[in-house]
Amino acid sequence: MLSPQSIPRRKPGILTSQVDGSLVLLDAKGGNYFALDDVGCRIWELCDGTKTIREVALTLSEEYSAQMNEIEADIVELLGEMADENLVEPVGQSHTTGANSASPSPWESSC
């Protein structure tokens, strides 16, 4: 189960494509696919295995001027669904309570 201290990353080998304003993710091995809107795409982009969910939420709360606790809960829910579809995986847990400044990571396919 994911928590705000979980450090998620995109699973290797997931194919992506832009379709009608959404980012579609495909796990070719399992045949699972998932469509993301622009906020979901930004979450996907930030899941690089170096940031906690709390740090991703902090970044999004600043970018979208939204409540951190609401964003954090939504991210935990979305990434839980994506983990169930084998699209993301946790790589660890942070044992600190503070969030570091999260910055966008380079990514081959921008949202």
C-alpha atoms as a PDB file:
ATOM      1  CA  MET A   1       0.000   0.000   0.000  1.00  0.00           C
ATOM      2  CA  LEU A   2       1.280   3.450  -0.890  1.00  0.00           C
ATOM      3  CA  SER A   3       1.577   6.285   1.612  1.00  0.00           C
ATOM      4  CA  PRO A   4       2.725   9.917   1.404  1.00  0.00           C
ATOM      5  CA  GLN A   5       6.234   8.683   2.322  1.00  0.00           C
ATOM      6  CA  SER A   6       6.327   6.177  -0.579  1.00  0.00           C
ATOM      7  CA  ILE A   7       8.774   6.868  -3.386  1.00  0.00           C
ATOM      8  CA  PRO A   8       7.083   5.817  -6.639  1.00  0.00           C
ATOM      9  CA  ARG A   9       8.672   5.316 -10.031  1.00  0.00           C
ATOM     10  CA  ARG A  10       7.433   4.519 -13.501  1.00  0.00           C
ATOM     11  CA  LYS A  11       7.929   0.848 -14.326  1.00  0.00           C
ATOM     12  CA  PRO A  12      10.419   0.270 -17.131  1.00  0.00           C
ATOM     13  CA  GLY A  13       8.981  -0.741 -20.485  1.00  0.00           C
ATOM     14  CA  ILE A  14       5.703   1.178 -20.230  1.00  0.00           C
ATOM     15  CA  LEU A  15       4.752   2.569 -23.627  1.00  0.00           C
ATOM     16  CA  THR A  16       3.203   6.043 -23.826  1.00  0.00           C
ATOM     17  CA  SER A  17       1.260   7.897 -26.476  1.00  0.00           C
ATOM     18  CA  GLN A  18      -0.652  11.178 -26.681  1.00  0.00           C
ATOM     19  CA  VAL A  19      -4.261  10.548 -27.756  1.00  0.00           C
ATOM     20  CA  ASP A  20      -6.956  13.254 -27.878  1.00  0.00           C
ATOM     21  CA  GLY A  21      -5.376  15.366 -25.136  1.00  0.00           C
ATOM     22  CA  SER A  22      -4.672  12.412 -22.839  1.00  0.00           C
ATOM     23  CA  LEU A  23      -1.515  10.471 -22.171  1.00  0.00           C
ATOM     24  CA  VAL A  24      -2.166   6.759 -22.656  1.00  0.00           C
ATOM     25  CA  LEU A  25       0.110   4.315 -20.818  1.00  0.00           C
ATOM     26  CA  LEU A  26       0.393   0.717 -21.988  1.00  0.00           C
ATOM     27  CA  ASP A  27       1.980  -2.203 -20.191  1.00  0.00           C
ATOM     28  CA  ALA A  28       2.703  -4.348 -23.248  1.00  0.00           C
ATOM     29  CA  LYS A  29       3.507  -7.419 -21.124  1.00  0.00           C
ATOM     30  CA  GLY A  30       0.233  -7.420 -19.215  1.00  0.00           C
ATOM     31  CA  GLY A  31      -1.901  -5.663 -21.801  1.00  0.00           C
ATOM     32  CA  ASN A  32      -3.025  -3.074 -19.240  1.00  0.00           C
ATOM     33  CA  TYR A  33      -3.587   0.500 -20.316  1.00  0.00           C
ATOM     34  CA  PHE A  34      -4.409   3.694 -18.479  1.00  0.00           C
ATOM     35  CA  ALA A  35      -5.369   7.182 -19.727  1.00  0.00           C
ATOM     36  CA  LEU A  36      -4.215  10.293 -17.853  1.00  0.00           C
ATOM     37  CA  ASP A  37      -5.398  13.889 -18.060  1.00  0.00           C
ATOM     38  CA  ASP A  38      -2.915  16.767 -17.784  1.00  0.00           C
ATOM     39  CA  VAL A  39      -2.649  16.561 -13.972  1.00  0.00           C
ATOM     40  CA  GLY A  40      -2.272  12.769 -14.093  1.00  0.00           C
ATOM     41  CA  CYS A  41       0.363  13.217 -16.771  1.00  0.00           C
ATOM     42  CA  ARG A  42       2.278  15.607 -14.523  1.00  0.00           C
ATOM     43  CA  ILE A  43       2.114  13.061 -11.684  1.00  0.00           C
ATOM     44  CA  TRP A  44       3.455  10.389 -14.072  1.00  0.00           C
ATOM     45  CA  GLU A  45       6.253  12.727 -15.096  1.00  0.00           C
ATOM     46  CA  LEU A  46       7.252  13.354 -11.472  1.00  0.00           C
ATOM     47  CA  CYS A  47       7.313   9.645 -10.539  1.00  0.00           C
ATOM     48  CA  ASP A  48      10.999   9.202 -11.293  1.00  0.00           C
ATOM     49  CA  GLY A  49      11.983   7.178  -8.225  1.00  0.00           C
ATOM     50  CA  THR A  50      13.581  10.129  -6.406  1.00  0.00           C
ATOM     51  CA  LYS A  51      10.577  11.943  -4.908  1.00  0.00           C
ATOM     52  CA  THR A  52       8.092  10.913  -2.259  1.00  0.00           C
ATOM     53  CA  ILE A  53       4.389  11.215  -2.927  1.00  0.00           C
ATOM     54  CA  ARG A  54       4.414  14.103  -0.432  1.00  0.00           C
ATOM     55  CA  GLU A  55       7.073  15.906  -2.529  1.00  0.00           C
ATOM     56  CA  VAL A  56       5.051  15.306  -5.717  1.00  0.00           C
ATOM     57  CA  ALA A  57       1.976  16.715  -3.938  1.00  0.00           C
ATOM     58  CA  LEU A  58       3.946  19.770  -2.817  1.00  0.00           C
ATOM     59  CA  THR A  59       5.059  20.433  -6.389  1.00  0.00           C
ATOM     60  CA  LEU A  60       1.498  20.107  -7.702  1.00  0.00           C
ATOM     61  CA  SER A  61       0.015  22.251  -4.915  1.00  0.00           C
ATOM     62  CA  GLU A  62       2.411  25.029  -5.940  1.00  0.00           C
ATOM     63  CA  GLU A  63       1.793  24.590  -9.688  1.00  0.00           C
ATOM     64  CA  TYR A  64      -2.009  24.394  -9.396  1.00  0.00           C
ATOM     65  CA  SER A  65      -2.574  26.566  -6.281  1.00  0.00           C
ATOM     66  CA  ALA A  66      -4.494  23.770  -4.588  1.00  0.00           C
ATOM     67  CA  GLN A  67      -4.691  22.307  -1.079  1.00  0.00           C
ATOM     68  CA  MET A  68      -1.729  20.029  -0.342  1.00  0.00           C
ATOM     69  CA  ASN A  69      -3.719  17.488   1.730  1.00  0.00           C
ATOM     70  CA  GLU A  70      -6.359  17.033  -0.988  1.00  0.00           C
ATOM     71  CA  ILE A  71      -3.736  16.633  -3.710  1.00  0.00           C
ATOM     72  CA  GLU A  72      -1.748  14.180  -1.602  1.00  0.00           C
ATOM     73  CA  ALA A  73      -4.807  11.968  -1.019  1.00  0.00           C
ATOM     74  CA  ASP A  74      -5.685  12.060  -4.738  1.00  0.00           C
ATOM     75  CA  ILE A  75      -2.114  11.123  -5.710  1.00  0.00           C
ATOM     76  CA  VAL A  76      -2.041   8.198  -3.272  1.00  0.00           C
ATOM     77  CA  GLU A  77      -5.331   6.956  -4.770  1.00  0.00           C
ATOM     78  CA  LEU A  78      -4.234   7.404  -8.408  1.00  0.00           C
ATOM     79  CA  LEU A  79      -0.831   5.800  -7.887  1.00  0.00           C
ATOM     80  CA  GLY A  80      -2.456   2.931  -6.006  1.00  0.00           C
ATOM     81  CA  GLU A  81      -4.636   2.258  -9.058  1.00  0.00           C
ATOM     82  CA  MET A  82      -1.615   2.569 -11.333  1.00  0.00           C
ATOM     83  CA  ALA A  83       0.372   0.167  -9.130  1.00  0.00           C
ATOM     84  CA  ASP A  84      -2.514  -2.329  -9.375  1.00  0.00           C
ATOM     85  CA  GLU A  85      -2.156  -2.059 -13.180  1.00  0.00           C
ATOM     86  CA  ASN A  86       1.652  -2.597 -12.944  1.00  0.00           C
ATOM     87  CA  LEU A  87       2.422   0.874 -14.289  1.00  0.00           C
ATOM     88  CA  VAL A  88       4.273   2.247 -11.242  1.00  0.00           C
ATOM     89  CA  GLU A  89       6.067   0.675  -8.324  1.00  0.00           C
ATOM     90  CA  PRO A  90       7.318   1.922  -4.971  1.00  0.00           C
ATOM     91  CA  VAL A  91      11.098   1.948  -4.663  1.00  0.00           C
ATOM     92  CA  GLY A  92      11.207   2.796  -0.990  1.00  0.00           C
ATOM     93  CA  GLN A  93       9.898   4.919   1.835  1.00  0.00           C
ATOM     94  CA  SER A  94      11.201   8.196   3.163  1.00  0.00           C
ATOM     95  CA  HIS A  95      11.522   8.288   6.919  1.00  0.00           C
ATOM     96  CA  THR A  96      11.609  12.074   7.099  1.00  0.00           C
ATOM     97  CA  THR A  97       8.520  14.167   7.660  1.00  0.00           C
ATOM     98  CA  GLY A  98       9.583  17.268   5.749  1.00  0.00           C
ATOM     99  CA  ALA A  99       9.340  17.612   1.984  1.00  0.00           C
ATOM    100  CA  ASN A 100      12.253  18.715  -0.131  1.00  0.00           C
ATOM    101  CA  SER A 101      11.783  21.024  -3.041  1.00  0.00           C
ATOM    102  CA  ALA A 102      10.711  18.810  -5.914  1.00  0.00           C
ATOM    103  CA  SER A 103      11.662  19.849  -9.416  1.00  0.00           C
ATOM    104  CA  PRO A 104      10.556  18.409 -12.753  1.00  0.00           C
ATOM    105  CA  SER A 105      12.689  15.647 -14.138  1.00  0.00           C
ATOM    106  CA  PRO A 106      13.676  15.285 -17.772  1.00  0.00           C
ATOM    107  CA  TRP A 107      11.395  12.911 -19.611  1.00  0.00           C
ATOM    108  CA  GLU A 108      11.454  11.699 -23.203  1.00  0.00           C
ATOM    109  CA  SER A 109       7.814  12.490 -23.889  1.00  0.00           C
ATOM    110  CA  SER A 110       6.405  15.645 -22.371  1.00  0.00           C
ATOM    111  CA  CYS A 111       2.781  15.937 -21.305  1.00  0.00           C
END
